[in-house]
Structures are given as structure tokens and as C-alpha cells.
Amino acid sequence: MSQHKHFVRDVDTLASETCVSGEIDTGAETSPKTVLTPTSGYKLDTRSVYIGTDSTAGEIEVKFPTSNKLLGKIYCSKFAMVTLDGIRITGGTNESIQISWSGTDTGAKIFYVIRYKEVQ
């Protein structure tokens, strides 16, 4: 009879991930805005994206601009926020993440949180 040893490893996945958050004042800043850039030679591996706004018009999107990978988008006339948990989209080496907006209310605010890891 063979013996199998089983063990449970306590892994805190959030301890190996980090977040960036901020607020964009569309009345004072120009679209698009780079909100996250990886360390040279690394890629951003996203884990979740949250976008919120007080605008009632226009569109807001979060994406990797070089590869054109879309991470999240709000159609402001229908939604004020979107939470995309459990996504895993990886950009290219040295590729940043940008937030862009168009047609939003004058002086609208955009709040964002992006959870990610840097990978090679």
C-alpha cells in the first residue's frame, strides 16, 4: 500500500500582485493618458480593472495601445462604472496601459483601479 502525503499551501495571491489607482479630471487633462508603465523589459499582466465616472455621455476605455488589447470600456450614457474581475490580459514587453475618453461631459472625472503583476 502506498502512502500519499497531502498538504495544503497557504497562498496569498494578492501578495504577489499590486494595484494602481487614480482619478483623471477630463477638464484638466488630455486624452489619452498613460496610467501604468512596466519596468523596462517586463510586461503588465492584468488581473482586474475598475472604471467609474460621473459623466452621463461619451465613452471611456482602458487598453494596451500598441497591441490594441482592450481591458475595459464604459458607454457613459448607460453605465457609470464597470468592474472586470478575474480577467487576465497581458500586454507586450514595455507596453503601457492608457485610458482614453471622448464625448464625456465637460470636466467629468474618471476613477480607475488596475490590479496587475509584472512578468517577463
C-alpha atoms as a PDB file:
ATOM      1  CA  MET A   1       0.000   0.000   0.000  1.00  0.00           C
ATOM      2  CA  SER A   2       1.478   3.322  -0.970  1.00  0.00           C
ATOM      3  CA  GLN A   3       1.223   6.334   1.225  1.00  0.00           C
ATOM      4  CA  HIS A   4       0.338   9.676  -0.238  1.00  0.00           C
ATOM      5  CA  LYS A   5       1.163  12.803   1.643  1.00  0.00           C
ATOM      6  CA  HIS A   6      -1.165  15.693   1.066  1.00  0.00           C
ATOM      7  CA  PHE A   7      -0.656  19.200   2.208  1.00  0.00           C
ATOM      8  CA  VAL A   8      -2.318  22.496   1.696  1.00  0.00           C
ATOM      9  CA  ARG A   9      -0.217  25.500   0.894  1.00  0.00           C
ATOM     10  CA  ASP A  10      -1.485  28.837   2.133  1.00  0.00           C
ATOM     11  CA  VAL A  11      -1.001  31.107  -0.867  1.00  0.00           C
ATOM     12  CA  ASP A  12      -1.928  34.763  -0.771  1.00  0.00           C
ATOM     13  CA  THR A  13      -2.247  35.605  -4.477  1.00  0.00           C
ATOM     14  CA  LEU A  14      -2.851  39.275  -3.742  1.00  0.00           C
ATOM     15  CA  ALA A  15       0.542  39.469  -2.012  1.00  0.00           C
ATOM     16  CA  SER A  16       2.238  38.889  -5.380  1.00  0.00           C
ATOM     17  CA  GLU A  17       0.050  41.411  -7.211  1.00  0.00           C
ATOM     18  CA  THR A  18      -0.123  45.161  -6.983  1.00  0.00           C
ATOM     19  CA  CYS A  19      -2.590  47.891  -7.886  1.00  0.00           C
ATOM     20  CA  VAL A  20      -2.522  51.336  -9.349  1.00  0.00           C
ATOM     21  CA  SER A  21      -5.393  53.755  -8.877  1.00  0.00           C
ATOM     22  CA  GLY A  22      -6.107  57.361  -9.603  1.00  0.00           C
ATOM     23  CA  GLU A  23      -8.539  59.984 -10.761  1.00  0.00           C
ATOM     24  CA  ILE A  24      -8.499  61.821 -14.066  1.00  0.00           C
ATOM     25  CA  ASP A  25     -10.054  65.259 -14.389  1.00  0.00           C
ATOM     26  CA  THR A  26     -11.043  65.381 -18.067  1.00  0.00           C
ATOM     27  CA  GLY A  27     -11.336  69.166 -17.840  1.00  0.00           C
ATOM     28  CA  ALA A  28      -7.643  69.492 -16.968  1.00  0.00           C
ATOM     29  CA  GLU A  29      -6.057  66.518 -18.788  1.00  0.00           C
ATOM     30  CA  THR A  30      -5.848  65.405 -22.399  1.00  0.00           C
ATOM     31  CA  SER A  31      -6.889  62.011 -23.764  1.00  0.00           C
ATOM     32  CA  PRO A  32      -5.237  59.518 -23.885  1.00  0.00           C
ATOM     33  CA  LYS A  33      -3.438  59.322 -20.551  1.00  0.00           C
ATOM     34  CA  THR A  34      -0.790  56.704 -19.722  1.00  0.00           C
ATOM     35  CA  VAL A  35      -1.609  55.411 -16.236  1.00  0.00           C
ATOM     36  CA  LEU A  36       0.820  52.481 -15.907  1.00  0.00           C
ATOM     37  CA  THR A  37       4.190  51.596 -17.456  1.00  0.00           C
ATOM     38  CA  PRO A  38       6.082  48.369 -16.697  1.00  0.00           C
ATOM     39  CA  THR A  39       9.683  48.146 -15.576  1.00  0.00           C
ATOM     40  CA  SER A  40      11.956  48.018 -18.650  1.00  0.00           C
ATOM     41  CA  GLY A  41      11.970  44.521 -20.175  1.00  0.00           C
ATOM     42  CA  TYR A  42       8.747  43.421 -18.427  1.00  0.00           C
ATOM     43  CA  LYS A  43       5.073  43.003 -19.373  1.00  0.00           C
ATOM     44  CA  LEU A  44       1.956  44.041 -17.462  1.00  0.00           C
ATOM     45  CA  ASP A  45      -0.267  41.038 -16.717  1.00  0.00           C
ATOM     46  CA  THR A  46      -3.643  42.476 -15.657  1.00  0.00           C
ATOM     47  CA  ARG A  47      -5.895  40.723 -13.126  1.00  0.00           C
ATOM     48  CA  SER A  48      -8.800  43.165 -12.730  1.00  0.00           C
ATOM     49  CA  VAL A  49      -9.935  46.576 -13.914  1.00  0.00           C
ATOM     50  CA  TYR A  50     -12.406  49.015 -12.369  1.00  0.00           C
ATOM     51  CA  ILE A  51     -13.553  52.204 -14.137  1.00  0.00           C
ATOM     52  CA  GLY A  52     -16.011  54.714 -12.690  1.00  0.00           C
ATOM     53  CA  THR A  53     -17.144  58.133 -13.880  1.00  0.00           C
ATOM     54  CA  ASP A  54     -19.596  60.919 -13.137  1.00  0.00           C
ATOM     55  CA  SER A  55     -20.111  61.575 -16.874  1.00  0.00           C
ATOM     56  CA  THR A  56     -23.515  60.911 -18.427  1.00  0.00           C
ATOM     57  CA  ALA A  57     -22.250  60.921 -22.019  1.00  0.00           C
ATOM     58  CA  GLY A  58     -19.359  59.629 -24.116  1.00  0.00           C
ATOM     59  CA  GLU A  59     -17.068  56.624 -23.873  1.00  0.00           C
ATOM     60  CA  ILE A  60     -14.093  55.677 -21.708  1.00  0.00           C
ATOM     61  CA  GLU A  61     -11.721  52.814 -22.441  1.00  0.00           C
ATOM     62  CA  VAL A  62      -8.678  51.229 -20.837  1.00  0.00           C
ATOM     63  CA  LYS A  63      -6.284  49.420 -23.158  1.00  0.00           C
ATOM     64  CA  PHE A  64      -2.801  48.400 -24.169  1.00  0.00           C
ATOM     65  CA  PRO A  65      -2.276  50.918 -27.015  1.00  0.00           C
ATOM     66  CA  THR A  66       0.429  49.137 -29.035  1.00  0.00           C
ATOM     67  CA  SER A  67      -1.253  45.720 -29.198  1.00  0.00           C
ATOM     68  CA  ASN A  68      -4.704  47.367 -29.090  1.00  0.00           C
ATOM     69  CA  LYS A  69      -5.890  44.935 -26.393  1.00  0.00           C
ATOM     70  CA  LEU A  70      -8.988  46.367 -24.740  1.00  0.00           C
ATOM     71  CA  LEU A  71      -9.131  45.892 -20.944  1.00  0.00           C
ATOM     72  CA  GLY A  72     -12.417  47.656 -20.259  1.00  0.00           C
ATOM     73  CA  LYS A  73     -14.863  50.188 -21.653  1.00  0.00           C
ATOM     74  CA  ILE A  74     -17.794  52.270 -20.382  1.00  0.00           C
ATOM     75  CA  TYR A  75     -20.592  53.685 -22.504  1.00  0.00           C
ATOM     76  CA  CYS A  76     -21.350  56.542 -20.117  1.00  0.00           C
ATOM     77  CA  SER A  77     -24.942  57.161 -21.256  1.00  0.00           C
ATOM     78  CA  LYS A  78     -25.792  53.640 -19.986  1.00  0.00           C
ATOM     79  CA  PHE A  79     -23.283  52.849 -17.208  1.00  0.00           C
ATOM     80  CA  ALA A  80     -21.402  54.875 -14.592  1.00  0.00           C
ATOM     81  CA  MET A  81     -18.946  52.115 -13.708  1.00  0.00           C
ATOM     82  CA  VAL A  82     -17.659  48.688 -14.682  1.00  0.00           C
ATOM     83  CA  THR A  83     -15.769  46.097 -12.644  1.00  0.00           C
ATOM     84  CA  LEU A  84     -13.932  43.381 -14.553  1.00  0.00           C
ATOM     85  CA  ASP A  85     -12.685  40.862 -12.002  1.00  0.00           C
ATOM     86  CA  GLY A  86     -10.838  37.733 -12.928  1.00  0.00           C
ATOM     87  CA  ILE A  87      -9.567  38.977 -16.279  1.00  0.00           C
ATOM     88  CA  ARG A  88      -6.059  38.135 -17.360  1.00  0.00           C
ATOM     89  CA  ILE A  89      -4.842  40.133 -20.318  1.00  0.00           C
ATOM     90  CA  THR A  90      -1.101  40.565 -20.874  1.00  0.00           C
ATOM     91  CA  GLY A  91       0.437  43.409 -22.833  1.00  0.00           C
ATOM     92  CA  GLY A  92       3.624  43.318 -24.829  1.00  0.00           C
ATOM     93  CA  THR A  93       7.094  43.868 -23.424  1.00  0.00           C
ATOM     94  CA  ASN A  94       7.433  47.508 -22.260  1.00  0.00           C
ATOM     95  CA  GLU A  95       3.792  48.211 -23.242  1.00  0.00           C
ATOM     96  CA  SER A  96       1.965  50.713 -21.054  1.00  0.00           C
ATOM     97  CA  ILE A  97      -1.730  50.965 -20.209  1.00  0.00           C
ATOM     98  CA  GLN A  98      -3.678  54.023 -21.338  1.00  0.00           C
ATOM     99  CA  ILE A  99      -7.084  55.431 -20.522  1.00  0.00           C
ATOM    100  CA  SER A 100      -8.816  57.389 -23.264  1.00  0.00           C
ATOM    101  CA  TRP A 101     -12.116  59.218 -23.361  1.00  0.00           C
ATOM    102  CA  SER A 102     -14.283  61.012 -25.897  1.00  0.00           C
ATOM    103  CA  GLY A 103     -17.583  62.866 -25.783  1.00  0.00           C
ATOM    104  CA  THR A 104     -17.682  62.960 -21.977  1.00  0.00           C
ATOM    105  CA  ASP A 105     -19.372  65.741 -20.006  1.00  0.00           C
ATOM    106  CA  THR A 106     -17.260  68.884 -19.554  1.00  0.00           C
ATOM    107  CA  GLY A 107     -14.977  68.437 -16.547  1.00  0.00           C
ATOM    108  CA  ALA A 108     -16.021  64.813 -15.976  1.00  0.00           C
ATOM    109  CA  LYS A 109     -13.991  62.736 -13.534  1.00  0.00           C
ATOM    110  CA  ILE A 110     -12.741  59.191 -14.163  1.00  0.00           C
ATOM    111  CA  PHE A 111     -11.663  56.941 -11.286  1.00  0.00           C
ATOM    112  CA  TYR A 112      -9.732  53.751 -12.048  1.00  0.00           C
ATOM    113  CA  VAL A 113      -8.123  50.790 -10.288  1.00  0.00           C
ATOM    114  CA  ILE A 114      -5.990  48.243 -12.150  1.00  0.00           C
ATOM    115  CA  ARG A 115      -4.662  45.103 -10.422  1.00  0.00           C
ATOM    116  CA  TYR A 116      -1.654  43.531 -12.157  1.00  0.00           C
ATOM    117  CA  LYS A 117       1.648  41.672 -11.957  1.00  0.00           C
ATOM    118  CA  GLU A 118       4.841  42.412 -13.852  1.00  0.00           C
ATOM    119  CA  VAL A 119       6.098  39.356 -15.772  1.00  0.00           C
ATOM    120  CA  GLN A 120       8.959  38.657 -18.177  1.00  0.00           C
END
